[in-house]
PDB file of N, CA and C in Angstrom:
ATOM      1  N   MET A   1     -11.244   3.435  16.518  1.00  0.00           N
ATOM      2  CA  MET A   1      -9.792   3.579  16.510  1.00  0.00           C
ATOM      3  C   MET A   1      -9.227   3.413  15.097  1.00  0.00           C
ATOM      4  N   MET A   2      -9.712   2.407  14.363  1.00  0.00           N
ATOM      5  CA  MET A   2      -9.236   2.168  13.000  1.00  0.00           C
ATOM      6  C   MET A   2      -9.554   3.373  12.111  1.00  0.00           C
ATOM      7  N   HIS A   3     -10.734   3.944  12.296  1.00  0.00           N
ATOM      8  CA  HIS A   3     -11.137   5.103  11.493  1.00  0.00           C
ATOM      9  C   HIS A   3     -10.154   6.263  11.677  1.00  0.00           C
ATOM     10  N   ILE A   4      -9.750   6.517  12.890  1.00  0.00           N
ATOM     11  CA  ILE A   4      -8.804   7.605  13.174  1.00  0.00           C
ATOM     12  C   ILE A   4      -7.464   7.329  12.507  1.00  0.00           C
ATOM     13  N   LEU A   5      -7.004   6.085  12.550  1.00  0.00           N
ATOM     14  CA  LEU A   5      -5.746   5.712  11.907  1.00  0.00           C
ATOM     15  C   LEU A   5      -5.819   5.939  10.399  1.00  0.00           C
ATOM     16  N   ILE A   6      -6.898   5.499   9.778  1.00  0.00           N
ATOM     17  CA  ILE A   6      -7.065   5.645   8.334  1.00  0.00           C
ATOM     18  C   ILE A   6      -7.127   7.117   7.938  1.00  0.00           C
ATOM     19  N   GLU A   7      -7.848   7.909   8.699  1.00  0.00           N
ATOM     20  CA  GLU A   7      -7.930   9.347   8.408  1.00  0.00           C
ATOM     21  C   GLU A   7      -6.569  10.013   8.596  1.00  0.00           C
ATOM     22  N   THR A   8      -5.837   9.627   9.614  1.00  0.00           N
ATOM     23  CA  THR A   8      -4.502  10.175   9.845  1.00  0.00           C
ATOM     24  C   THR A   8      -3.578   9.843   8.678  1.00  0.00           C
ATOM     25  N   LEU A   9      -3.644   8.606   8.181  1.00  0.00           N
ATOM     26  CA  LEU A   9      -2.839   8.226   7.025  1.00  0.00           C
ATOM     27  C   LEU A   9      -3.187   9.085   5.813  1.00  0.00           C
ATOM     28  N   GLY A  10      -4.468   9.366   5.625  1.00  0.00           N
ATOM     29  CA  GLY A  10      -4.894  10.217   4.516  1.00  0.00           C
ATOM     30  C   GLY A  10      -4.324  11.620   4.619  1.00  0.00           C
ATOM     31  N   TRP A  11      -4.339  12.172   5.823  1.00  0.00           N
ATOM     32  CA  TRP A  11      -3.793  13.522   6.005  1.00  0.00           C
ATOM     33  C   TRP A  11      -2.279  13.531   5.829  1.00  0.00           C
ATOM     34  N   ILE A  12      -1.601  12.514   6.334  1.00  0.00           N
ATOM     35  CA  ILE A  12      -0.146  12.423   6.139  1.00  0.00           C
ATOM     36  C   ILE A  12       0.170  12.308   4.651  1.00  0.00           C
ATOM     37  N   ALA A  13      -0.617  11.496   3.938  1.00  0.00           N
ATOM     38  CA  ALA A  13      -0.430  11.348   2.495  1.00  0.00           C
ATOM     39  C   ALA A  13      -0.560  12.698   1.798  1.00  0.00           C
ATOM     40  N   SER A  14      -1.557  13.466   2.175  1.00  0.00           N
ATOM     41  CA  SER A  14      -1.765  14.780   1.568  1.00  0.00           C
ATOM     42  C   SER A  14      -0.559  15.684   1.790  1.00  0.00           C
ATOM     43  N   VAL A  15      -0.064  15.708   3.004  1.00  0.00           N
ATOM     44  CA  VAL A  15       1.087  16.560   3.330  1.00  0.00           C
ATOM     45  C   VAL A  15       2.318  16.107   2.549  1.00  0.00           C
ATOM     46  N   LEU A  16       2.551  14.793   2.477  1.00  0.00           N
ATOM     47  CA  LEU A  16       3.722  14.286   1.776  1.00  0.00           C
ATOM     48  C   LEU A  16       3.679  14.608   0.279  1.00  0.00           C
ATOM     49  N   ILE A  17       2.557  14.325  -0.362  1.00  0.00           N
ATOM     50  CA  ILE A  17       2.488  14.502  -1.811  1.00  0.00           C
ATOM     51  C   ILE A  17       2.450  15.983  -2.191  1.00  0.00           C
ATOM     52  N   VAL A  18       1.640  16.766  -1.515  1.00  0.00           N
ATOM     53  CA  VAL A  18       1.589  18.202  -1.821  1.00  0.00           C
ATOM     54  C   VAL A  18       2.904  18.872  -1.410  1.00  0.00           C
ATOM     55  N   GLY A  19       3.467  18.432  -0.296  1.00  0.00           N
ATOM     56  CA  GLY A  19       4.750  18.982   0.140  1.00  0.00           C
ATOM     57  C   GLY A  19       5.861  18.696  -0.863  1.00  0.00           C
ATOM     58  N   ALA A  20       5.909  17.471  -1.380  1.00  0.00           N
ATOM     59  CA  ALA A  20       6.915  17.114  -2.390  1.00  0.00           C
ATOM     60  C   ALA A  20       6.719  17.951  -3.650  1.00  0.00           C
ATOM     61  N   TYR A  21       5.481  18.085  -4.064  1.00  0.00           N
ATOM     62  CA  TYR A  21       5.176  18.868  -5.266  1.00  0.00           C
ATOM     63  C   TYR A  21       5.578  20.331  -5.079  1.00  0.00           C
ATOM     64  N   ALA A  22       5.214  20.906  -3.960  1.00  0.00           N
ATOM     65  CA  ALA A  22       5.552  22.309  -3.688  1.00  0.00           C
ATOM     66  C   ALA A  22       7.070  22.492  -3.631  1.00  0.00           C
ATOM     67  N   ALA A  23       7.760  21.585  -2.953  1.00  0.00           N
ATOM     68  CA  ALA A  23       9.218  21.678  -2.862  1.00  0.00           C
ATOM     69  C   ALA A  23       9.852  21.584  -4.249  1.00  0.00           C
ATOM     70  N   ASN A  24       9.277  20.776  -5.110  1.00  0.00           N
ATOM     71  CA  ASN A  24       9.781  20.652  -6.476  1.00  0.00           C
ATOM     72  C   ASN A  24       9.515  21.927  -7.273  1.00  0.00           C
ATOM     73  N   ILE A  25       8.303  22.428  -7.208  1.00  0.00           N
ATOM     74  CA  ILE A  25       7.922  23.629  -7.956  1.00  0.00           C
ATOM     75  C   ILE A  25       8.760  24.836  -7.534  1.00  0.00           C
ATOM     76  N   TYR A  26       9.061  24.939  -6.235  1.00  0.00           N
ATOM     77  CA  TYR A  26       9.820  26.080  -5.738  1.00  0.00           C
ATOM     78  C   TYR A  26      11.331  25.846  -5.747  1.00  0.00           C
ATOM     79  N   GLY A  27      11.764  24.747  -6.391  1.00  0.00           N
ATOM     80  CA  GLY A  27      13.188  24.498  -6.570  1.00  0.00           C
ATOM     81  C   GLY A  27      13.938  24.012  -5.358  1.00  0.00           C
ATOM     82  N   ARG A  28      13.238  23.543  -4.357  1.00  0.00           N
ATOM     83  CA  ARG A  28      13.897  23.059  -3.144  1.00  0.00           C
ATOM     84  C   ARG A  28      14.188  21.556  -3.189  1.00  0.00           C
ATOM     85  N   LEU A  29      13.532  20.861  -4.108  1.00  0.00           N
ATOM     86  CA  LEU A  29      13.678  19.412  -4.196  1.00  0.00           C
ATOM     87  C   LEU A  29      13.494  19.010  -5.655  1.00  0.00           C
ATOM     88  N   LYS A  30      14.469  18.325  -6.208  1.00  0.00           N
ATOM     89  CA  LYS A  30      14.378  17.877  -7.596  1.00  0.00           C
ATOM     90  C   LYS A  30      13.638  16.547  -7.655  1.00  0.00           C
ATOM     91  N   ALA A  31      12.953  16.319  -8.768  1.00  0.00           N
ATOM     92  CA  ALA A  31      12.169  15.097  -8.944  1.00  0.00           C
ATOM     93  C   ALA A  31      13.042  13.846  -8.911  1.00  0.00           C
ATOM     94  N   GLU A  32      14.325  13.976  -9.195  1.00  0.00           N
ATOM     95  CA  GLU A  32      15.233  12.828  -9.186  1.00  0.00           C
ATOM     96  C   GLU A  32      15.760  12.495  -7.792  1.00  0.00           C
ATOM     97  N   GLU A  33      15.545  13.382  -6.841  1.00  0.00           N
ATOM     98  CA  GLU A  33      16.090  13.178  -5.501  1.00  0.00           C
ATOM     99  C   GLU A  33      15.311  12.099  -4.752  1.00  0.00           C
ATOM    100  N   PRO A  34      16.036  11.278  -3.983  1.00  0.00           N
ATOM    101  CA  PRO A  34      15.372  10.212  -3.227  1.00  0.00           C
ATOM    102  C   PRO A  34      14.240  10.709  -2.323  1.00  0.00           C
ATOM    103  N   ALA A  35      14.414  11.841  -1.680  1.00  0.00           N
ATOM    104  CA  ALA A  35      13.371  12.348  -0.770  1.00  0.00           C
ATOM    105  C   ALA A  35      12.066  12.591  -1.520  1.00  0.00           C
ATOM    106  N   TYR A  36      12.164  13.160  -2.722  1.00  0.00           N
ATOM    107  CA  TYR A  36      10.972  13.423  -3.521  1.00  0.00           C
ATOM    108  C   TYR A  36      10.264  12.116  -3.884  1.00  0.00           C
ATOM    109  N   ILE A  37      11.042  11.158  -4.324  1.00  0.00           N
ATOM    110  CA  ILE A  37      10.474   9.872  -4.736  1.00  0.00           C
ATOM    111  C   ILE A  37       9.857   9.148  -3.538  1.00  0.00           C
ATOM    112  N   TRP A  38      10.562   9.121  -2.410  1.00  0.00           N
ATOM    113  CA  TRP A  38      10.024   8.448  -1.221  1.00  0.00           C
ATOM    114  C   TRP A  38       8.776   9.142  -0.685  1.00  0.00           C
ATOM    115  N   MET A  39       8.772  10.468  -0.712  1.00  0.00           N
ATOM    116  CA  MET A  39       7.582  11.194  -0.245  1.00  0.00           C
ATOM    117  C   MET A  39       6.368  10.829  -1.088  1.00  0.00           C
ATOM    118  N   ASN A  40       6.562  10.732  -2.398  1.00  0.00           N
ATOM    119  CA  ASN A  40       5.467  10.353  -3.286  1.00  0.00           C
ATOM    120  C   ASN A  40       5.050   8.904  -3.084  1.00  0.00           C
ATOM    121  N   MET A  41       6.015   8.005  -2.911  1.00  0.00           N
ATOM    122  CA  MET A  41       5.668   6.596  -2.751  1.00  0.00           C
ATOM    123  C   MET A  41       4.938   6.350  -1.427  1.00  0.00           C
ATOM    124  N   ILE A  42       5.459   6.874  -0.345  1.00  0.00           N
ATOM    125  CA  ILE A  42       4.813   6.682   0.961  1.00  0.00           C
ATOM    126  C   ILE A  42       3.453   7.372   0.983  1.00  0.00           C
ATOM    127  N   GLY A  43       3.385   8.585   0.458  1.00  0.00           N
ATOM    128  CA  GLY A  43       2.098   9.280   0.369  1.00  0.00           C
ATOM    129  C   GLY A  43       1.097   8.493  -0.458  1.00  0.00           C
ATOM    130  N   GLY A  44       1.548   7.937  -1.570  1.00  0.00           N
ATOM    131  CA  GLY A  44       0.670   7.131  -2.413  1.00  0.00           C
ATOM    132  C   GLY A  44       0.165   5.885  -1.707  1.00  0.00           C
ATOM    133  N   ILE A  45       1.048   5.214  -0.989  1.00  0.00           N
ATOM    134  CA  ILE A  45       0.642   4.015  -0.231  1.00  0.00           C
ATOM    135  C   ILE A  45      -0.415   4.382   0.802  1.00  0.00           C
ATOM    136  N   PHE A  46      -0.171   5.464   1.522  1.00  0.00           N
ATOM    137  CA  PHE A  46      -1.139   5.892   2.535  1.00  0.00           C
ATOM    138  C   PHE A  46      -2.478   6.256   1.904  1.00  0.00           C
ATOM    139  N   PHE A  47      -2.426   6.904   0.724  1.00  0.00           N
ATOM    140  CA  PHE A  47      -3.671   7.221   0.020  1.00  0.00           C
ATOM    141  C   PHE A  47      -4.388   5.962  -0.449  1.00  0.00           C
ATOM    142  N   VAL A  48      -3.654   4.957  -0.880  1.00  0.00           N
ATOM    143  CA  VAL A  48      -4.292   3.694  -1.288  1.00  0.00           C
ATOM    144  C   VAL A  48      -5.088   3.131  -0.118  1.00  0.00           C
ATOM    145  N   VAL A  49      -4.474   3.081   1.049  1.00  0.00           N
ATOM    146  CA  VAL A  49      -5.159   2.564   2.238  1.00  0.00           C
ATOM    147  C   VAL A  49      -6.414   3.397   2.527  1.00  0.00           C
ATOM    148  N   ASN A  50      -6.256   4.715   2.511  1.00  0.00           N
ATOM    149  CA  ASN A  50      -7.367   5.610   2.817  1.00  0.00           C
ATOM    150  C   ASN A  50      -8.502   5.492   1.811  1.00  0.00           C
ATOM    151  N   THR A  51      -8.170   5.477   0.532  1.00  0.00           N
ATOM    152  CA  THR A  51      -9.222   5.457  -0.485  1.00  0.00           C
ATOM    153  C   THR A  51      -9.934   4.110  -0.566  1.00  0.00           C
ATOM    154  N   ILE A  52      -9.213   3.035  -0.342  1.00  0.00           N
ATOM    155  CA  ILE A  52      -9.880   1.722  -0.313  1.00  0.00           C
ATOM    156  C   ILE A  52     -10.832   1.660   0.879  1.00  0.00           C
ATOM    157  N   TYR A  53     -10.388   2.152   2.017  1.00  0.00           N
ATOM    158  CA  TYR A  53     -11.236   2.178   3.211  1.00  0.00           C
ATOM    159  C   TYR A  53     -12.547   2.921   2.935  1.00  0.00           C
ATOM    160  N   HIS A  54     -12.450   4.007   2.165  1.00  0.00           N
ATOM    161  CA  HIS A  54     -13.621   4.823   1.851  1.00  0.00           C
ATOM    162  C   HIS A  54     -14.340   4.375   0.573  1.00  0.00           C
ATOM    163  N   HIS A  55     -13.916   3.257   0.021  1.00  0.00           N
ATOM    164  CA  HIS A  55     -14.517   2.701  -1.202  1.00  0.00           C
ATOM    165  C   HIS A  55     -14.424   3.669  -2.374  1.00  0.00           C
ATOM    166  N   ALA A  56     -13.367   4.462  -2.408  1.00  0.00           N
ATOM    167  CA  ALA A  56     -13.134   5.403  -3.508  1.00  0.00           C
ATOM    168  C   ALA A  56     -12.164   4.731  -4.480  1.00  0.00           C
ATOM    169  N   TYR A  57     -12.666   3.745  -5.192  1.00  0.00           N
ATOM    170  CA  TYR A  57     -11.822   2.884  -6.009  1.00  0.00           C
ATOM    171  C   TYR A  57     -11.129   3.586  -7.179  1.00  0.00           C
ATOM    172  N   PRO A  58     -11.756   4.539  -7.855  1.00  0.00           N
ATOM    173  CA  PRO A  58     -11.004   5.245  -8.900  1.00  0.00           C
ATOM    174  C   PRO A  58      -9.774   5.963  -8.337  1.00  0.00           C
ATOM    175  N   SER A  59      -9.926   6.607  -7.190  1.00  0.00           N
ATOM    176  CA  SER A  59      -8.790   7.266  -6.547  1.00  0.00           C
ATOM    177  C   SER A  59      -7.760   6.247  -6.077  1.00  0.00           C
ATOM    178  N   ALA A  60      -8.225   5.117  -5.597  1.00  0.00           N
ATOM    179  CA  ALA A  60      -7.305   4.059  -5.173  1.00  0.00           C
ATOM    180  C   ALA A  60      -6.461   3.599  -6.353  1.00  0.00           C
ATOM    181  N   LEU A  61      -7.094   3.417  -7.513  1.00  0.00           N
ATOM    182  CA  LEU A  61      -6.362   2.979  -8.703  1.00  0.00           C
ATOM    183  C   LEU A  61      -5.311   4.011  -9.113  1.00  0.00           C
ATOM    184  N   VAL A  62      -5.675   5.280  -9.103  1.00  0.00           N
ATOM    185  CA  VAL A  62      -4.706   6.336  -9.437  1.00  0.00           C
ATOM    186  C   VAL A  62      -3.514   6.262  -8.499  1.00  0.00           C
ATOM    187  N   ASN A  63      -3.768   6.043  -7.232  1.00  0.00           N
ATOM    188  CA  ASN A  63      -2.678   6.002  -6.262  1.00  0.00           C
ATOM    189  C   ASN A  63      -1.850   4.729  -6.358  1.00  0.00           C
ATOM    190  N   VAL A  64      -2.450   3.619  -6.764  1.00  0.00           N
ATOM    191  CA  VAL A  64      -1.664   2.403  -7.017  1.00  0.00           C
ATOM    192  C   VAL A  64      -0.686   2.679  -8.157  1.00  0.00           C
ATOM    193  N   VAL A  65      -1.157   3.330  -9.204  1.00  0.00           N
ATOM    194  CA  VAL A  65      -0.277   3.685 -10.329  1.00  0.00           C
ATOM    195  C   VAL A  65       0.812   4.643  -9.847  1.00  0.00           C
ATOM    196  N   TRP A  66       0.443   5.611  -9.030  1.00  0.00           N
ATOM    197  CA  TRP A  66       1.391   6.585  -8.461  1.00  0.00           C
ATOM    198  C   TRP A  66       2.516   5.853  -7.716  1.00  0.00           C
ATOM    199  N   VAL A  67       2.128   4.869  -6.904  1.00  0.00           N
ATOM    200  CA  VAL A  67       3.099   4.088  -6.130  1.00  0.00           C
ATOM    201  C   VAL A  67       3.978   3.261  -7.070  1.00  0.00           C
ATOM    202  N   LEU A  68       3.390   2.656  -8.085  1.00  0.00           N
ATOM    203  CA  LEU A  68       4.173   1.848  -9.019  1.00  0.00           C
ATOM    204  C   LEU A  68       5.205   2.700  -9.769  1.00  0.00           C
ATOM    205  N   ILE A  69       4.834   3.909 -10.120  1.00  0.00           N
ATOM    206  CA  ILE A  69       5.790   4.814 -10.777  1.00  0.00           C
ATOM    207  C   ILE A  69       6.949   5.124  -9.833  1.00  0.00           C
ATOM    208  N   ALA A  70       6.637   5.442  -8.597  1.00  0.00           N
ATOM    209  CA  ALA A  70       7.682   5.743  -7.609  1.00  0.00           C
ATOM    210  C   ALA A  70       8.534   4.508  -7.330  1.00  0.00           C
ATOM    211  N   LEU A  71       7.909   3.351  -7.221  1.00  0.00           N
ATOM    212  CA  LEU A  71       8.640   2.110  -6.977  1.00  0.00           C
ATOM    213  C   LEU A  71       9.588   1.813  -8.136  1.00  0.00           C
ATOM    214  N   ASN A  72       9.133   2.034  -9.345  1.00  0.00           N
ATOM    215  CA  ASN A  72       9.981   1.855 -10.516  1.00  0.00           C
ATOM    216  C   ASN A  72      11.214   2.751 -10.422  1.00  0.00           C
ATOM    217  N   ALA A  73      11.026   3.993 -10.004  1.00  0.00           N
ATOM    218  CA  ALA A  73      12.154   4.919  -9.849  1.00  0.00           C
ATOM    219  C   ALA A  73      13.119   4.435  -8.779  1.00  0.00           C
ATOM    220  N   VAL A  74      12.581   3.935  -7.674  1.00  0.00           N
ATOM    221  CA  VAL A  74      13.427   3.427  -6.581  1.00  0.00           C
ATOM    222  C   VAL A  74      14.280   2.255  -7.091  1.00  0.00           C
ATOM    223  N   ILE A  75      13.660   1.339  -7.795  1.00  0.00           N
ATOM    224  CA  ILE A  75      14.367   0.165  -8.311  1.00  0.00           C
ATOM    225  C   ILE A  75      15.374   0.566  -9.389  1.00  0.00           C
ATOM    226  N   ARG A  76      14.922   1.360 -10.344  1.00  0.00           N
ATOM    227  CA  ARG A  76      15.759   1.758 -11.470  1.00  0.00           C
ATOM    228  C   ARG A  76      16.980   2.556 -11.025  1.00  0.00           C
ATOM    229  N   LYS A  77      16.795   3.431 -10.050  1.00  0.00           N
ATOM    230  CA  LYS A  77      17.889   4.288  -9.601  1.00  0.00           C
ATOM    231  C   LYS A  77      18.654   3.696  -8.421  1.00  0.00           C
ATOM    232  N   GLY A  78      18.177   2.556  -7.885  1.00  0.00           N
ATOM    233  CA  GLY A  78      18.854   1.957  -6.735  1.00  0.00           C
ATOM    234  C   GLY A  78      18.781   2.838  -5.502  1.00  0.00           C
ATOM    235  N   ILE A  79      17.657   3.513  -5.324  1.00  0.00           N
ATOM    236  CA  ILE A  79      17.483   4.462  -4.205  1.00  0.00           C
ATOM    237  C   ILE A  79      17.199   3.707  -2.923  1.00  0.00           C
ATOM    238  N   ARG A  80      17.777   4.208  -1.864  1.00  0.00           N
ATOM    239  CA  ARG A  80      17.529   3.640  -0.532  1.00  0.00           C
ATOM    240  C   ARG A  80      16.844   4.638   0.348  1.00  0.00           C
TER     241      ARG A  80
END
């Protein structure tokens, strides 16, 4: 059961991060918009869980940094 949850989080993370990127590239979502930042932060958190579970520590570290960047934006901009 835990394995299915972790894999589901990984797939959701992929959709959120790639979806945010695609929406930004195609002009549907600006990088400053709360939705873009939240999609990246939540996707990053889910990837951290997934990559740690799979012992993919370099990827986990990249995603921790990804989350910290998004968190900084949330705090700095007062995003809810």
